[in-house]
Amino acid sequence: MAGQKKLLRALAGEKQDVPPIWMMRQAGRYLPEYRATRAQAGDFLSLCYNSELAAEVTLQPIRRYGFDAAILFADILLIPQSLGADLWFVTGEGPRLSTITTEADFAKLGPASDIHETLNPIYETVRILSRELPPETTLIGFAGAPWTVATYMIAGRGTPDQGPAHALREENTALFEALLARITEATIDYLSKQIEAGAEVVKIFDSWAGSLKGEAFQKYALEPCRQITAALKERHPGIPVIGFPREAGEKYVGFAKATGVDCVALDNSVDPVWAAANVQVDGCVQGNLASRHMVTGGQELVDDTRRIVEAFRNGPHIFNLGHGITPDANPDNVQLMIDTVRNG
């Protein structure tokens, strides 16, 4: 059956009349059933580490919409926590972490080999999902890319311009690169365990790749993605990998060939006609409807959805948003998007 799954066929390079569809952050706060389960869990991290409830919120959008893929419900900052960083979430503001800005801070982190005790509940979530998902639905595992994860570990929170991470990169390159190497090693082991538990595809989210310019993009966005992809494919021959160097712009061109990923996810700042000519020529692309359409809906949603499907129709394509769906989205607009993709 796996060979017949629409998403896996796209990742293998097959052009399909109707592209497979899923949505970043499809299990989330825009759904009333998610909010109810989140309240049952108590808080966000408790939900991530409760395997039964994390599986439940992963399944909710599949039951409601029939997406072609489910993505594991977790968070990119579980890796820092598993390495020994303190992690907590401030309501209405987002994550907070203990910072890594000195060699002494770095020395407090554990080795990558020690992450699994903390992360075992995540692997159990994957095992539950691999049993309970419909047979036609692909299961996606994921992790944050090393650069993006490092930006949070260095600043202790999300920042508008990733300034603290850029500063450390320039002022103490050795420390910065040691941190990136530790995250890279942990990410390989983490994704490998997800695959062993039943993930059929993994995605590497580099949400802040666009703030790396010139050679820094090659060294700290492209190269870690290449290392992770190569290691996973060596351990798990045939495993598809999706890379998402968000806001990479012209650096999307050639990213698949340089890293070995099977699909490049595109944000909505790039024109799909341009991306078809310059990125899709190397293989599967994913994207790239603006998330705002899930809030505003209407004819503009329909028109932009059709435009994207048309632009990518001559090659392998996975329909998705250009970034995650936002909490203020209207669930009815999600259904309208899906109907437009599938029915024209």
C-alpha atoms as a PDB file:
ATOM      1  CA  MET A   1       0.000   0.000   0.000  1.00  0.00           C
ATOM      2  CA  ALA A   2       2.882   2.341   0.828  1.00  0.00           C
ATOM      3  CA  GLY A   3       3.872   2.477  -2.820  1.00  0.00           C
ATOM      4  CA  GLN A   4       0.390   3.735  -3.668  1.00  0.00           C
ATOM      5  CA  LYS A   5       0.348   6.602  -1.180  1.00  0.00           C
ATOM      6  CA  LYS A   6       0.005   9.869  -3.061  1.00  0.00           C
ATOM      7  CA  LEU A   7       2.570  11.749  -0.996  1.00  0.00           C
ATOM      8  CA  LEU A   8       5.234   9.061  -1.379  1.00  0.00           C
ATOM      9  CA  ARG A   9       4.597   8.944  -5.108  1.00  0.00           C
ATOM     10  CA  ALA A  10       5.196  12.693  -5.340  1.00  0.00           C
ATOM     11  CA  LEU A  11       8.398  12.384  -3.321  1.00  0.00           C
ATOM     12  CA  ALA A  12       9.555   9.653  -5.703  1.00  0.00           C
ATOM     13  CA  GLY A  13       9.220  12.169  -8.541  1.00  0.00           C
ATOM     14  CA  GLU A  14       5.816  11.229  -9.941  1.00  0.00           C
ATOM     15  CA  LYS A  15       3.677  13.908 -11.534  1.00  0.00           C
ATOM     16  CA  GLN A  16       0.021  13.527 -10.504  1.00  0.00           C
ATOM     17  CA  ASP A  17      -3.113  15.111 -11.901  1.00  0.00           C
ATOM     18  CA  VAL A  18      -4.215  16.021  -8.358  1.00  0.00           C
ATOM     19  CA  PRO A  19      -1.318  16.760  -5.999  1.00  0.00           C
ATOM     20  CA  PRO A  20      -1.280  15.291  -2.504  1.00  0.00           C
ATOM     21  CA  ILE A  21      -2.077  17.831   0.181  1.00  0.00           C
ATOM     22  CA  TRP A  22      -1.267  18.440   3.825  1.00  0.00           C
ATOM     23  CA  MET A  23      -0.709  21.590   5.839  1.00  0.00           C
ATOM     24  CA  MET A  24       2.044  22.754   8.179  1.00  0.00           C
ATOM     25  CA  ARG A  25       0.726  23.001  11.751  1.00  0.00           C
ATOM     26  CA  GLN A  26      -2.420  21.236  10.617  1.00  0.00           C
ATOM     27  CA  ALA A  27      -2.880  19.928  14.157  1.00  0.00           C
ATOM     28  CA  GLY A  28      -3.274  23.137  16.100  1.00  0.00           C
ATOM     29  CA  ARG A  29      -5.132  25.942  17.755  1.00  0.00           C
ATOM     30  CA  TYR A  30      -7.432  26.759  14.839  1.00  0.00           C
ATOM     31  CA  LEU A  31      -9.315  23.500  15.558  1.00  0.00           C
ATOM     32  CA  PRO A  32     -11.764  23.347  18.482  1.00  0.00           C
ATOM     33  CA  GLU A  33     -11.006  19.657  19.015  1.00  0.00           C
ATOM     34  CA  TYR A  34      -7.303  20.505  19.419  1.00  0.00           C
ATOM     35  CA  ARG A  35      -8.073  23.150  22.026  1.00  0.00           C
ATOM     36  CA  ALA A  36     -10.146  20.648  23.972  1.00  0.00           C
ATOM     37  CA  THR A  37      -7.340  18.082  23.958  1.00  0.00           C
ATOM     38  CA  ARG A  38      -4.766  20.715  24.862  1.00  0.00           C
ATOM     39  CA  ALA A  39      -6.885  21.685  27.878  1.00  0.00           C
ATOM     40  CA  GLN A  40      -7.041  18.022  28.869  1.00  0.00           C
ATOM     41  CA  ALA A  41      -3.231  17.774  28.692  1.00  0.00           C
ATOM     42  CA  GLY A  42      -2.773  20.876  30.876  1.00  0.00           C
ATOM     43  CA  ASP A  43      -0.064  22.693  28.918  1.00  0.00           C
ATOM     44  CA  PHE A  44       1.777  22.526  25.613  1.00  0.00           C
ATOM     45  CA  LEU A  45       4.804  20.498  26.723  1.00  0.00           C
ATOM     46  CA  SER A  46       2.613  18.041  28.596  1.00  0.00           C
ATOM     47  CA  LEU A  47       0.694  17.531  25.359  1.00  0.00           C
ATOM     48  CA  CYS A  48       3.921  16.924  23.411  1.00  0.00           C
ATOM     49  CA  TYR A  49       5.071  14.280  25.888  1.00  0.00           C
ATOM     50  CA  ASN A  50       1.696  12.544  26.340  1.00  0.00           C
ATOM     51  CA  SER A  51       1.906   9.972  23.564  1.00  0.00           C
ATOM     52  CA  GLU A  52      -1.806   9.147  23.490  1.00  0.00           C
ATOM     53  CA  LEU A  53      -2.924  12.785  23.405  1.00  0.00           C
ATOM     54  CA  ALA A  54      -0.201  13.832  20.936  1.00  0.00           C
ATOM     55  CA  ALA A  55      -1.355  11.035  18.643  1.00  0.00           C
ATOM     56  CA  GLU A  56      -4.946  12.189  19.082  1.00  0.00           C
ATOM     57  CA  VAL A  57      -4.242  15.770  17.972  1.00  0.00           C
ATOM     58  CA  THR A  58      -2.192  14.445  15.038  1.00  0.00           C
ATOM     59  CA  LEU A  59      -5.187  12.362  13.951  1.00  0.00           C
ATOM     60  CA  GLN A  60      -7.783  15.113  14.375  1.00  0.00           C
ATOM     61  CA  PRO A  61      -7.149  16.966  11.078  1.00  0.00           C
ATOM     62  CA  ILE A  62      -6.969  13.621   9.256  1.00  0.00           C
ATOM     63  CA  ARG A  63     -10.432  12.695  10.507  1.00  0.00           C
ATOM     64  CA  ARG A  64     -11.825  16.140   9.731  1.00  0.00           C
ATOM     65  CA  TYR A  65     -10.243  16.776   6.325  1.00  0.00           C
ATOM     66  CA  GLY A  66      -8.719  13.582   4.955  1.00  0.00           C
ATOM     67  CA  PHE A  67      -5.283  15.078   4.299  1.00  0.00           C
ATOM     68  CA  ASP A  68      -2.862  12.859   2.410  1.00  0.00           C
ATOM     69  CA  ALA A  69      -0.324  13.066   5.234  1.00  0.00           C
ATOM     70  CA  ALA A  70      -0.186  13.460   8.986  1.00  0.00           C
ATOM     71  CA  ILE A  71       2.755  15.181  10.619  1.00  0.00           C
ATOM     72  CA  LEU A  72       3.810  14.129  14.083  1.00  0.00           C
ATOM     73  CA  PHE A  73       2.682  16.570  16.772  1.00  0.00           C
ATOM     74  CA  ALA A  74       5.799  17.711  18.648  1.00  0.00           C
ATOM     75  CA  ASP A  75       8.024  20.808  18.795  1.00  0.00           C
ATOM     76  CA  ILE A  76      11.444  21.650  17.372  1.00  0.00           C
ATOM     77  CA  LEU A  77      12.669  22.706  20.835  1.00  0.00           C
ATOM     78  CA  LEU A  78      12.389  19.227  22.333  1.00  0.00           C
ATOM     79  CA  ILE A  79      15.932  18.609  21.049  1.00  0.00           C
ATOM     80  CA  PRO A  80      17.451  21.391  23.217  1.00  0.00           C
ATOM     81  CA  GLN A  81      15.501  20.093  26.193  1.00  0.00           C
ATOM     82  CA  SER A  82      16.730  16.550  25.575  1.00  0.00           C
ATOM     83  CA  LEU A  83      20.301  17.884  25.495  1.00  0.00           C
ATOM     84  CA  GLY A  84      19.813  19.435  28.922  1.00  0.00           C
ATOM     85  CA  ALA A  85      18.571  22.970  28.247  1.00  0.00           C
ATOM     86  CA  ASP A  86      15.716  24.289  30.366  1.00  0.00           C
ATOM     87  CA  LEU A  87      12.562  24.790  28.297  1.00  0.00           C
ATOM     88  CA  TRP A  88       9.248  26.361  29.209  1.00  0.00           C
ATOM     89  CA  PHE A  89       6.433  28.159  27.419  1.00  0.00           C
ATOM     90  CA  VAL A  90       5.005  31.542  28.385  1.00  0.00           C
ATOM     91  CA  THR A  91       1.315  31.814  27.585  1.00  0.00           C
ATOM     92  CA  GLY A  92       0.734  34.204  24.720  1.00  0.00           C
ATOM     93  CA  GLU A  93       4.456  34.764  24.174  1.00  0.00           C
ATOM     94  CA  GLY A  94       5.982  31.428  23.208  1.00  0.00           C
ATOM     95  CA  PRO A  95       9.025  29.385  24.226  1.00  0.00           C
ATOM     96  CA  ARG A  96      11.797  30.287  26.625  1.00  0.00           C
ATOM     97  CA  LEU A  97      15.078  28.433  27.073  1.00  0.00           C
ATOM     98  CA  SER A  98      18.187  28.672  29.189  1.00  0.00           C
ATOM     99  CA  THR A  99      20.801  30.299  26.966  1.00  0.00           C
ATOM    100  CA  ILE A 100      24.020  28.956  25.455  1.00  0.00           C
ATOM    101  CA  THR A 101      26.392  31.897  25.052  1.00  0.00           C
ATOM    102  CA  THR A 102      29.611  30.716  26.721  1.00  0.00           C
ATOM    103  CA  GLU A 103      31.790  27.621  26.804  1.00  0.00           C
ATOM    104  CA  ALA A 104      30.548  27.017  30.360  1.00  0.00           C
ATOM    105  CA  ASP A 105      26.945  27.003  29.132  1.00  0.00           C
ATOM    106  CA  PHE A 106      27.837  24.581  26.363  1.00  0.00           C
ATOM    107  CA  ALA A 107      29.654  22.289  28.797  1.00  0.00           C
ATOM    108  CA  LYS A 108      26.385  21.776  30.689  1.00  0.00           C
ATOM    109  CA  LEU A 109      24.756  20.149  27.667  1.00  0.00           C
ATOM    110  CA  GLY A 110      24.675  16.389  27.503  1.00  0.00           C
ATOM    111  CA  PRO A 111      25.947  14.272  24.609  1.00  0.00           C
ATOM    112  CA  ALA A 112      23.678  13.566  21.665  1.00  0.00           C
ATOM    113  CA  SER A 113      23.569   9.912  22.703  1.00  0.00           C
ATOM    114  CA  ASP A 114      21.628  10.838  25.870  1.00  0.00           C
ATOM    115  CA  ILE A 115      18.590  12.416  24.200  1.00  0.00           C
ATOM    116  CA  HIS A 116      16.406   9.347  23.894  1.00  0.00           C
ATOM    117  CA  GLU A 117      15.319   8.992  27.508  1.00  0.00           C
ATOM    118  CA  THR A 118      13.617  12.394  27.230  1.00  0.00           C
ATOM    119  CA  LEU A 119      12.322  11.769  23.715  1.00  0.00           C
ATOM    120  CA  ASN A 120      10.988   8.208  24.104  1.00  0.00           C
ATOM    121  CA  PRO A 121       7.384   9.485  24.421  1.00  0.00           C
ATOM    122  CA  ILE A 122       7.750  11.077  20.972  1.00  0.00           C
ATOM    123  CA  TYR A 123       8.781   7.761  19.456  1.00  0.00           C
ATOM    124  CA  GLU A 124       5.789   6.116  21.140  1.00  0.00           C
ATOM    125  CA  THR A 125       3.532   8.746  19.526  1.00  0.00           C
ATOM    126  CA  VAL A 126       4.952   7.737  16.138  1.00  0.00           C
ATOM    127  CA  ARG A 127       4.301   4.065  16.866  1.00  0.00           C
ATOM    128  CA  ILE A 128       0.679   4.793  17.809  1.00  0.00           C
ATOM    129  CA  LEU A 129       0.178   6.832  14.647  1.00  0.00           C
ATOM    130  CA  SER A 130       1.715   4.184  12.413  1.00  0.00           C
ATOM    131  CA  ARG A 131      -0.947   1.790  13.728  1.00  0.00           C
ATOM    132  CA  GLU A 132      -3.926   4.133  13.710  1.00  0.00           C
ATOM    133  CA  LEU A 133      -3.585   6.256  10.591  1.00  0.00           C
ATOM    134  CA  PRO A 134      -5.655   5.281   7.542  1.00  0.00           C
ATOM    135  CA  PRO A 135      -3.637   3.076   5.182  1.00  0.00           C
ATOM    136  CA  GLU A 136      -3.582   5.764   2.469  1.00  0.00           C
ATOM    137  CA  THR A 137      -2.178   8.465   4.811  1.00  0.00           C
ATOM    138  CA  THR A 138       1.582   9.066   4.951  1.00  0.00           C
ATOM    139  CA  LEU A 139       3.203   9.675   8.355  1.00  0.00           C
ATOM    140  CA  ILE A 140       5.737  12.521   8.455  1.00  0.00           C
ATOM    141  CA  GLY A 141       8.301  12.929  11.223  1.00  0.00           C
ATOM    142  CA  PHE A 142      10.254  16.134  11.659  1.00  0.00           C
ATOM    143  CA  ALA A 143      12.895  18.144  13.446  1.00  0.00           C
ATOM    144  CA  GLY A 144      14.150  21.700  13.397  1.00  0.00           C
ATOM    145  CA  ALA A 145      17.273  22.389  11.382  1.00  0.00           C
ATOM    146  CA  PRO A 146      20.428  22.998  13.441  1.00  0.00           C
ATOM    147  CA  TRP A 147      20.668  26.723  12.620  1.00  0.00           C
ATOM    148  CA  THR A 148      17.064  27.425  13.572  1.00  0.00           C
ATOM    149  CA  VAL A 149      17.289  25.394  16.781  1.00  0.00           C
ATOM    150  CA  ALA A 150      20.562  27.127  17.645  1.00  0.00           C
ATOM    151  CA  THR A 151      18.975  30.573  17.288  1.00  0.00           C
ATOM    152  CA  TYR A 152      16.562  29.721  20.101  1.00  0.00           C
ATOM    153  CA  MET A 153      19.243  28.115  22.269  1.00  0.00           C
ATOM    154  CA  ILE A 154      21.519  31.147  21.972  1.00  0.00           C
ATOM    155  CA  ALA A 155      18.863  33.840  22.479  1.00  0.00           C
ATOM    156  CA  GLY A 156      16.683  31.866  24.886  1.00  0.00           C
ATOM    157  CA  ARG A 157      13.629  32.758  22.792  1.00  0.00           C
ATOM    158  CA  GLY A 158      12.536  33.650  19.297  1.00  0.00           C
ATOM    159  CA  THR A 159      13.892  36.952  17.976  1.00  0.00           C
ATOM    160  CA  PRO A 160      12.917  39.090  14.971  1.00  0.00           C
ATOM    161  CA  ASP A 161      16.324  38.970  13.286  1.00  0.00           C
ATOM    162  CA  GLN A 162      18.169  36.089  15.031  1.00  0.00           C
ATOM    163  CA  GLY A 163      20.633  38.760  16.142  1.00  0.00           C
ATOM    164  CA  PRO A 164      22.087  36.944  19.181  1.00  0.00           C
ATOM    165  CA  ALA A 165      22.902  33.868  17.076  1.00  0.00           C
ATOM    166  CA  HIS A 166      24.518  35.961  14.355  1.00  0.00           C
ATOM    167  CA  ALA A 167      26.558  37.776  17.000  1.00  0.00           C
ATOM    168  CA  LEU A 168      27.831  34.545  18.552  1.00  0.00           C
ATOM    169  CA  ARG A 169      28.570  33.141  15.093  1.00  0.00           C
ATOM    170  CA  GLU A 170      30.838  36.111  14.385  1.00  0.00           C
ATOM    171  CA  GLU A 171      32.342  36.635  17.857  1.00  0.00           C
ATOM    172  CA  ASN A 172      32.944  33.030  18.925  1.00  0.00           C
ATOM    173  CA  THR A 173      32.806  30.911  15.798  1.00  0.00           C
ATOM    174  CA  ALA A 174      34.297  27.853  17.497  1.00  0.00           C
ATOM    175  CA  LEU A 175      31.583  27.780  20.171  1.00  0.00           C
ATOM    176  CA  PHE A 176      28.858  28.430  17.627  1.00  0.00           C
ATOM    177  CA  GLU A 177      30.062  25.619  15.367  1.00  0.00           C
ATOM    178  CA  ALA A 178      30.423  23.229  18.314  1.00  0.00           C
ATOM    179  CA  LEU A 179      26.793  23.927  19.251  1.00  0.00           C
ATOM    180  CA  LEU A 180      25.642  23.404  15.661  1.00  0.00           C
ATOM    181  CA  ALA A 181      27.572  20.113  15.483  1.00  0.00           C
ATOM    182  CA  ARG A 182      25.957  18.864  18.710  1.00  0.00           C
ATOM    183  CA  ILE A 183      22.483  19.751  17.435  1.00  0.00           C
ATOM    184  CA  THR A 184      23.224  18.105  14.078  1.00  0.00           C
ATOM    185  CA  GLU A 185      24.319  14.859  15.718  1.00  0.00           C
ATOM    186  CA  ALA A 186      21.270  14.832  17.992  1.00  0.00           C
ATOM    187  CA  THR A 187      18.939  15.581  15.083  1.00  0.00           C
ATOM    188  CA  ILE A 188      20.256  12.637  13.079  1.00  0.00           C
ATOM    189  CA  ASP A 189      19.653  10.285  16.009  1.00  0.00           C
ATOM    190  CA  TYR A 190      16.231  11.793  16.761  1.00  0.00           C
ATOM    191  CA  LEU A 191      14.957  11.503  13.190  1.00  0.00           C
ATOM    192  CA  SER A 192      16.452   8.026  12.862  1.00  0.00           C
ATOM    193  CA  LYS A 193      14.451   6.884  15.894  1.00  0.00           C
ATOM    194  CA  GLN A 194      11.297   8.425  14.417  1.00  0.00           C
ATOM    195  CA  ILE A 195      11.890   6.430  11.227  1.00  0.00           C
ATOM    196  CA  GLU A 196      12.453   3.234  13.215  1.00  0.00           C
ATOM    197  CA  ALA A 197       9.145   3.898  14.999  1.00  0.00           C
ATOM    198  CA  GLY A 198       7.232   4.242  11.736  1.00  0.00           C
ATOM    199  CA  ALA A 199       7.760   7.666  10.152  1.00  0.00           C
ATOM    200  CA  GLU A 200       7.688   7.238   6.365  1.00  0.00           C
ATOM    201  CA  VAL A 201       9.082  10.700   5.537  1.00  0.00           C
ATOM    202  CA  VAL A 202      10.990  13.261   7.599  1.00  0.00           C
ATOM    203  CA  LYS A 203      11.053  17.003   7.214  1.00  0.00           C
ATOM    204  CA  ILE A 204      13.783  19.422   8.317  1.00  0.00           C
ATOM    205  CA  PHE A 205      12.367  22.827   9.242  1.00  0.00           C
ATOM    206  CA  ASP A 206      14.880  25.663   8.854  1.00  0.00           C
ATOM    207  CA  SER A 207      12.497  28.493   9.703  1.00  0.00           C
ATOM    208  CA  TRP A 208      15.250  31.128   9.959  1.00  0.00           C
ATOM    209  CA  ALA A 209      17.429  30.027   7.030  1.00  0.00           C
ATOM    210  CA  GLY A 210      16.652  33.250   5.195  1.00  0.00           C
ATOM    211  CA  SER A 211      18.613  35.340   7.682  1.00  0.00           C
ATOM    212  CA  LEU A 212      21.835  33.564   6.686  1.00  0.00           C
ATOM    213  CA  LYS A 213      23.519  35.375   3.813  1.00  0.00           C
ATOM    214  CA  GLY A 214      26.202  34.356   1.337  1.00  0.00           C
ATOM    215  CA  GLU A 215      28.717  31.813   2.545  1.00  0.00           C
ATOM    216  CA  ALA A 216      26.959  31.585   5.925  1.00  0.00           C
ATOM    217  CA  PHE A 217      23.917  30.047   4.213  1.00  0.00           C
ATOM    218  CA  GLN A 218      26.108  27.392   2.619  1.00  0.00           C
ATOM    219  CA  LYS A 219      27.899  26.566   5.873  1.00  0.00           C
ATOM    220  CA  TYR A 220      25.090  26.746   8.397  1.00  0.00           C
ATOM    221  CA  ALA A 221      21.860  25.995   6.491  1.00  0.00           C
ATOM    222  CA  LEU A 222      22.787  23.915   3.464  1.00  0.00           C
ATOM    223  CA  GLU A 223      25.668  21.867   4.919  1.00  0.00           C
ATOM    224  CA  PRO A 224      23.903  20.647   8.106  1.00  0.00           C
ATOM    225  CA  CYS A 225      20.880  19.670   6.000  1.00  0.00           C
ATOM    226  CA  ARG A 226      23.192  17.728   3.690  1.00  0.00           C
ATOM    227  CA  GLN A 227      24.834  15.963   6.632  1.00  0.00           C
ATOM    228  CA  ILE A 228      21.519  15.001   8.205  1.00  0.00           C
ATOM    229  CA  THR A 229      20.046  13.805   4.921  1.00  0.00           C
ATOM    230  CA  ALA A 230      23.117  11.746   4.016  1.00  0.00           C
ATOM    231  CA  ALA A 231      23.260  10.095   7.438  1.00  0.00           C
ATOM    232  CA  LEU A 232      19.562   9.238   7.421  1.00  0.00           C
ATOM    233  CA  LYS A 233      19.699   7.796   3.927  1.00  0.00           C
ATOM    234  CA  GLU A 234      22.728   5.716   4.888  1.00  0.00           C
ATOM    235  CA  ARG A 235      20.900   4.314   7.923  1.00  0.00           C
ATOM    236  CA  HIS A 236      17.512   4.040   6.227  1.00  0.00           C
ATOM    237  CA  PRO A 237      17.965   3.547   2.463  1.00  0.00           C
ATOM    238  CA  GLY A 238      15.080   4.985   0.512  1.00  0.00           C
ATOM    239  CA  ILE A 239      13.735   7.262   3.241  1.00  0.00           C
ATOM    240  CA  PRO A 240      12.420  10.488   1.671  1.00  0.00           C
ATOM    241  CA  VAL A 241      13.511  13.805   3.185  1.00  0.00           C
ATOM    242  CA  ILE A 242      11.828  17.203   2.769  1.00  0.00           C
ATOM    243  CA  GLY A 243      13.941  20.321   3.323  1.00  0.00           C
ATOM    244  CA  PHE A 244      12.452  23.710   4.176  1.00  0.00           C
ATOM    245  CA  PRO A 245      15.022  26.533   4.106  1.00  0.00           C
ATOM    246  CA  ARG A 246      12.360  29.193   4.621  1.00  0.00           C
ATOM    247  CA  GLU A 247      12.905  32.549   2.885  1.00  0.00           C
ATOM    248  CA  ALA A 248      15.942  31.217   1.050  1.00  0.00           C
ATOM    249  CA  GLY A 249      14.847  33.116  -2.070  1.00  0.00           C
ATOM    250  CA  GLU A 250      17.205  32.434  -4.953  1.00  0.00           C
ATOM    251  CA  LYS A 251      19.069  29.930  -2.759  1.00  0.00           C
ATOM    252  CA  TYR A 252      16.155  27.540  -3.221  1.00  0.00           C
ATOM    253  CA  VAL A 253      17.708  26.962  -6.649  1.00  0.00           C
ATOM    254  CA  GLY A 254      19.972  23.912  -6.482  1.00  0.00           C
ATOM    255  CA  PHE A 255      19.129  23.206  -2.824  1.00  0.00           C
ATOM    256  CA  ALA A 256      17.824  19.701  -3.561  1.00  0.00           C
ATOM    257  CA  LYS A 257      20.908  18.690  -5.518  1.00  0.00           C
ATOM    258  CA  ALA A 258      23.285  20.197  -2.959  1.00  0.00           C
ATOM    259  CA  THR A 259      21.660  18.569   0.082  1.00  0.00           C
ATOM    260  CA  GLY A 260      20.201  15.347  -1.300  1.00  0.00           C
ATOM    261  CA  VAL A 261      16.664  16.113  -0.101  1.00  0.00           C
ATOM    262  CA  ASP A 262      13.836  14.613  -2.142  1.00  0.00           C
ATOM    263  CA  CYS A 263      11.622  17.681  -1.929  1.00  0.00           C
ATOM    264  CA  VAL A 264      12.096  21.389  -1.303  1.00  0.00           C
ATOM    265  CA  ALA A 265       9.318  23.136   0.624  1.00  0.00           C
ATOM    266  CA  LEU A 266       8.754  26.706  -0.545  1.00  0.00           C
ATOM    267  CA  ASP A 267       7.526  29.701   1.422  1.00  0.00           C
ATOM    268  CA  ASN A 268       4.992  32.027  -0.175  1.00  0.00           C
ATOM    269  CA  SER A 269       7.487  34.816  -0.902  1.00  0.00           C
ATOM    270  CA  VAL A 270       8.551  33.054  -4.107  1.00  0.00           C
ATOM    271  CA  ASP A 271       6.408  33.014  -7.227  1.00  0.00           C
ATOM    272  CA  PRO A 272       5.283  29.479  -8.144  1.00  0.00           C
ATOM    273  CA  VAL A 273       5.904  30.029 -11.862  1.00  0.00           C
ATOM    274  CA  TRP A 274       9.502  31.031 -11.064  1.00  0.00           C
ATOM    275  CA  ALA A 275       9.841  28.085  -8.655  1.00  0.00           C
ATOM    276  CA  ALA A 276       8.543  25.647 -11.256  1.00  0.00           C
ATOM    277  CA  ALA A 277      11.158  26.834 -13.735  1.00  0.00           C
ATOM    278  CA  ASN A 278      14.064  27.013 -11.278  1.00  0.00           C
ATOM    279  CA  VAL A 279      13.427  24.623  -8.374  1.00  0.00           C
ATOM    280  CA  GLN A 280      10.947  21.964  -9.515  1.00  0.00           C
ATOM    281  CA  VAL A 281      13.285  21.081 -12.383  1.00  0.00           C
ATOM    282  CA  ASP A 282      15.373  19.221  -9.776  1.00  0.00           C
ATOM    283  CA  GLY A 283      12.473  17.248  -8.306  1.00  0.00           C
ATOM    284  CA  CYS A 284       9.480  17.527  -6.028  1.00  0.00           C
ATOM    285  CA  VAL A 285       8.455  20.851  -4.527  1.00  0.00           C
ATOM    286  CA  GLN A 286       6.012  21.557  -1.723  1.00  0.00           C
ATOM    287  CA  GLY A 287       3.930  24.671  -1.176  1.00  0.00           C
ATOM    288  CA  ASN A 288       3.221  27.478  -1.299  1.00  0.00           C
ATOM    289  CA  LEU A 289      -0.143  29.124  -0.537  1.00  0.00           C
ATOM    290  CA  ALA A 290      -0.019  32.131   1.812  1.00  0.00           C
ATOM    291  CA  SER A 291      -1.267  31.228   5.296  1.00  0.00           C
ATOM    292  CA  ARG A 292      -3.388  34.393   5.408  1.00  0.00           C
ATOM    293  CA  HIS A 293      -5.848  32.772   3.006  1.00  0.00           C
ATOM    294  CA  MET A 294      -6.845  30.404   5.798  1.00  0.00           C
ATOM    295  CA  VAL A 295      -8.063  33.473   7.675  1.00  0.00           C
ATOM    296  CA  THR A 296      -9.582  35.521   4.867  1.00  0.00           C
ATOM    297  CA  GLY A 297     -10.953  32.785   2.566  1.00  0.00           C
ATOM    298  CA  GLY A 298     -13.147  33.758  -0.354  1.00  0.00           C
ATOM    299  CA  GLN A 299     -12.440  33.909  -4.055  1.00  0.00           C
ATOM    300  CA  GLU A 300      -8.852  35.042  -3.538  1.00  0.00           C
ATOM    301  CA  LEU A 301      -8.126  31.758  -1.734  1.00  0.00           C
ATOM    302  CA  VAL A 302      -9.652  29.817  -4.615  1.00  0.00           C
ATOM    303  CA  ASP A 303      -7.793  31.807  -7.259  1.00  0.00           C
ATOM    304  CA  ASP A 304      -4.387  31.547  -5.577  1.00  0.00           C
ATOM    305  CA  THR A 305      -4.853  27.834  -4.916  1.00  0.00           C
ATOM    306  CA  ARG A 306      -5.671  27.215  -8.584  1.00  0.00           C
ATOM    307  CA  ARG A 307      -2.734  29.363  -9.675  1.00  0.00           C
ATOM    308  CA  ILE A 308      -0.289  27.311  -7.596  1.00  0.00           C
ATOM    309  CA  VAL A 309      -1.688  23.965  -8.749  1.00  0.00           C
ATOM    310  CA  GLU A 310      -1.463  25.136 -12.359  1.00  0.00           C
ATOM    311  CA  ALA A 311       2.105  26.421 -11.979  1.00  0.00           C
ATOM    312  CA  PHE A 312       3.386  23.108 -10.619  1.00  0.00           C
ATOM    313  CA  ARG A 313       1.229  20.728 -12.674  1.00  0.00           C
ATOM    314  CA  ASN A 314       4.059  19.631 -14.977  1.00  0.00           C
ATOM    315  CA  GLY A 315       6.145  18.039 -12.229  1.00  0.00           C
ATOM    316  CA  PRO A 316       5.981  16.420  -8.807  1.00  0.00           C
ATOM    317  CA  HIS A 317       4.193  18.689  -6.329  1.00  0.00           C
ATOM    318  CA  ILE A 318       2.834  18.469  -2.785  1.00  0.00           C
ATOM    319  CA  PHE A 319       0.270  21.180  -2.108  1.00  0.00           C
ATOM    320  CA  ASN A 320       0.838  22.985   1.181  1.00  0.00           C
ATOM    321  CA  LEU A 321       0.962  26.420   2.738  1.00  0.00           C
ATOM    322  CA  GLY A 322       4.078  28.569   2.550  1.00  0.00           C
ATOM    323  CA  HIS A 323       4.270  28.472   6.355  1.00  0.00           C
ATOM    324  CA  GLY A 324       2.180  27.112   9.214  1.00  0.00           C
ATOM    325  CA  ILE A 325      -1.542  27.748   9.569  1.00  0.00           C
ATOM    326  CA  THR A 326      -2.247  30.428  12.193  1.00  0.00           C
ATOM    327  CA  PRO A 327      -4.515  30.080  15.248  1.00  0.00           C
ATOM    328  CA  ASP A 328      -7.006  32.617  13.857  1.00  0.00           C
ATOM    329  CA  ALA A 329      -7.678  30.540  10.733  1.00  0.00           C
ATOM    330  CA  ASN A 330     -11.220  29.491   9.884  1.00  0.00           C
ATOM    331  CA  PRO A 331     -11.547  25.682   9.575  1.00  0.00           C
ATOM    332  CA  ASP A 332     -14.059  26.203   6.744  1.00  0.00           C
ATOM    333  CA  ASN A 333     -11.347  27.899   4.676  1.00  0.00           C
ATOM    334  CA  VAL A 334      -9.158  24.816   5.032  1.00  0.00           C
ATOM    335  CA  GLN A 335     -11.955  22.741   3.549  1.00  0.00           C
ATOM    336  CA  LEU A 336     -12.375  25.242   0.707  1.00  0.00           C
ATOM    337  CA  MET A 337      -8.664  24.977  -0.081  1.00  0.00           C
ATOM    338  CA  ILE A 338      -8.793  21.183  -0.124  1.00  0.00           C
ATOM    339  CA  ASP A 339     -11.907  21.134  -2.316  1.00  0.00           C
ATOM    340  CA  THR A 340     -10.259  23.557  -4.745  1.00  0.00           C
ATOM    341  CA  VAL A 341      -7.112  21.442  -5.025  1.00  0.00           C
ATOM    342  CA  ARG A 342      -9.022  18.192  -5.488  1.00  0.00           C
ATOM    343  CA  ASN A 343     -11.951  19.384  -7.575  1.00  0.00           C
ATOM    344  CA  GLY A 344     -10.420  22.298  -9.505  1.00  0.00           C
END
